[in-house]
Amino acid sequence: MKLISNASTPERPASSQPLGERIAAALNGLSWHERAAFTPPHYEGVPLLDIGETLGLSENATKQCICRAVKNLRRALLPWITLT
């Protein structure tokens, strides 16, 4: 995955918003469960079993929340990235 320029195209709106703000906005667009499941393993290295226990979810349900979060983040950030 690589970042692409801020130049406006028909598919991508022009934006002067810094990438960190775009990512924060995308994270805030996740559901509570998606954000709670996605953030600890990706930013803090917390094991899935611990996250699931905290959220009252099975390991499989925790993985599903993370997968939905990744899908939603990709969708939200796709105008500013290319997958290579």
C-alpha atoms as a PDB file:
ATOM      1  CA  MET A   1       0.000   0.000   0.000  1.00  0.00           C
ATOM      2  CA  LYS A   2       1.354   3.414  -0.811  1.00  0.00           C
ATOM      3  CA  LEU A   3       0.105   6.936  -0.427  1.00  0.00           C
ATOM      4  CA  ILE A   4      -0.783   8.918  -3.487  1.00  0.00           C
ATOM      5  CA  SER A   5      -0.750  12.644  -4.002  1.00  0.00           C
ATOM      6  CA  ASN A   6      -3.439  15.012  -2.779  1.00  0.00           C
ATOM      7  CA  ALA A   7      -4.130  16.088  -6.362  1.00  0.00           C
ATOM      8  CA  SER A   8      -7.780  16.094  -7.241  1.00  0.00           C
ATOM      9  CA  THR A   9      -9.096  13.560  -9.766  1.00  0.00           C
ATOM     10  CA  PRO A  10     -12.665  12.621 -10.686  1.00  0.00           C
ATOM     11  CA  GLU A  11     -12.385   9.634  -8.314  1.00  0.00           C
ATOM     12  CA  ARG A  12     -10.593  11.435  -5.486  1.00  0.00           C
ATOM     13  CA  PRO A  13     -11.519  14.813  -4.000  1.00  0.00           C
ATOM     14  CA  ALA A  14      -8.806  17.357  -3.340  1.00  0.00           C
ATOM     15  CA  SER A  15      -7.936  17.619   0.315  1.00  0.00           C
ATOM     16  CA  SER A  16      -5.456  19.502   2.390  1.00  0.00           C
ATOM     17  CA  GLN A  17      -6.382  17.400   5.430  1.00  0.00           C
ATOM     18  CA  PRO A  18      -3.263  15.652   6.797  1.00  0.00           C
ATOM     19  CA  LEU A  19      -3.186  11.871   6.531  1.00  0.00           C
ATOM     20  CA  GLY A  20      -3.304  11.428  10.325  1.00  0.00           C
ATOM     21  CA  GLU A  21      -6.573  13.355  10.459  1.00  0.00           C
ATOM     22  CA  ARG A  22      -8.017  11.220   7.650  1.00  0.00           C
ATOM     23  CA  ILE A  23      -7.069   8.056   9.518  1.00  0.00           C
ATOM     24  CA  ALA A  24      -8.542   9.386  12.779  1.00  0.00           C
ATOM     25  CA  ALA A  25     -11.774  10.284  10.977  1.00  0.00           C
ATOM     26  CA  ALA A  26     -11.914   6.808   9.410  1.00  0.00           C
ATOM     27  CA  LEU A  27     -11.351   5.178  12.823  1.00  0.00           C
ATOM     28  CA  ASN A  28     -14.115   7.340  14.309  1.00  0.00           C
ATOM     29  CA  GLY A  29     -16.411   6.093  11.540  1.00  0.00           C
ATOM     30  CA  LEU A  30     -16.120   2.507  12.794  1.00  0.00           C
ATOM     31  CA  SER A  31     -18.702   0.983  15.090  1.00  0.00           C
ATOM     32  CA  TRP A  32     -17.805   0.773  18.769  1.00  0.00           C
ATOM     33  CA  HIS A  33     -17.111  -2.993  18.537  1.00  0.00           C
ATOM     34  CA  GLU A  34     -15.023  -2.624  15.374  1.00  0.00           C
ATOM     35  CA  ARG A  35     -12.902   0.143  16.889  1.00  0.00           C
ATOM     36  CA  ALA A  36     -12.534  -1.687  20.216  1.00  0.00           C
ATOM     37  CA  ALA A  37     -11.456  -4.899  18.449  1.00  0.00           C
ATOM     38  CA  PHE A  38      -9.194  -3.241  15.845  1.00  0.00           C
ATOM     39  CA  THR A  39      -7.240  -0.735  17.918  1.00  0.00           C
ATOM     40  CA  PRO A  40      -5.597  -2.875  20.668  1.00  0.00           C
ATOM     41  CA  PRO A  41      -3.934  -5.500  18.469  1.00  0.00           C
ATOM     42  CA  HIS A  42      -2.796  -2.982  15.857  1.00  0.00           C
ATOM     43  CA  TYR A  43      -1.574  -0.219  18.144  1.00  0.00           C
ATOM     44  CA  GLU A  44      -0.874  -1.953  21.448  1.00  0.00           C
ATOM     45  CA  GLY A  45      -0.134  -5.591  20.529  1.00  0.00           C
ATOM     46  CA  VAL A  46      -2.931  -7.021  22.720  1.00  0.00           C
ATOM     47  CA  PRO A  47      -3.757 -10.688  21.905  1.00  0.00           C
ATOM     48  CA  LEU A  48      -7.130 -11.495  20.307  1.00  0.00           C
ATOM     49  CA  LEU A  49      -8.189 -13.714  23.208  1.00  0.00           C
ATOM     50  CA  ASP A  50      -7.731 -10.831  25.654  1.00  0.00           C
ATOM     51  CA  ILE A  51      -9.669  -8.442  23.432  1.00  0.00           C
ATOM     52  CA  GLY A  52     -12.505 -10.933  23.009  1.00  0.00           C
ATOM     53  CA  GLU A  53     -12.666 -11.530  26.745  1.00  0.00           C
ATOM     54  CA  THR A  54     -12.838  -7.799  27.436  1.00  0.00           C
ATOM     55  CA  LEU A  55     -15.564  -7.300  24.826  1.00  0.00           C
ATOM     56  CA  GLY A  56     -17.466 -10.437  25.802  1.00  0.00           C
ATOM     57  CA  LEU A  57     -16.863 -11.964  22.351  1.00  0.00           C
ATOM     58  CA  SER A  58     -15.435 -15.261  21.170  1.00  0.00           C
ATOM     59  CA  GLU A  59     -12.100 -15.237  19.390  1.00  0.00           C
ATOM     60  CA  ASN A  60     -13.916 -15.827  16.084  1.00  0.00           C
ATOM     61  CA  ALA A  61     -16.318 -12.918  16.674  1.00  0.00           C
ATOM     62  CA  THR A  62     -13.345 -10.707  17.560  1.00  0.00           C
ATOM     63  CA  LYS A  63     -11.635 -11.664  14.297  1.00  0.00           C
ATOM     64  CA  GLN A  64     -14.843 -10.861  12.402  1.00  0.00           C
ATOM     65  CA  CYS A  65     -14.995  -7.410  14.036  1.00  0.00           C
ATOM     66  CA  ILE A  66     -11.388  -6.761  13.034  1.00  0.00           C
ATOM     67  CA  CYS A  67     -12.046  -7.892   9.454  1.00  0.00           C
ATOM     68  CA  ARG A  68     -15.067  -5.574   9.207  1.00  0.00           C
ATOM     69  CA  ALA A  69     -12.982  -2.728  10.645  1.00  0.00           C
ATOM     70  CA  VAL A  70     -10.206  -3.279   8.084  1.00  0.00           C
ATOM     71  CA  LYS A  71     -12.763  -3.441   5.254  1.00  0.00           C
ATOM     72  CA  ASN A  72     -14.409  -0.205   6.412  1.00  0.00           C
ATOM     73  CA  LEU A  73     -11.065   1.564   6.896  1.00  0.00           C
ATOM     74  CA  ARG A  74      -9.921   0.564   3.417  1.00  0.00           C
ATOM     75  CA  ARG A  75     -13.178   1.823   1.958  1.00  0.00           C
ATOM     76  CA  ALA A  76     -12.863   5.135   3.813  1.00  0.00           C
ATOM     77  CA  LEU A  77      -9.190   5.665   2.922  1.00  0.00           C
ATOM     78  CA  LEU A  78      -9.177   4.218  -0.606  1.00  0.00           C
ATOM     79  CA  PRO A  79      -9.413   7.628  -2.306  1.00  0.00           C
ATOM     80  CA  TRP A  80      -5.991   8.477  -0.793  1.00  0.00           C
ATOM     81  CA  ILE A  81      -4.089   5.195  -1.177  1.00  0.00           C
ATOM     82  CA  THR A  82      -3.208   2.644  -3.817  1.00  0.00           C
ATOM     83  CA  LEU A  83      -2.798  -1.041  -3.072  1.00  0.00           C
ATOM     84  CA  THR A  84       0.377  -2.437  -4.606  1.00  0.00           C
END
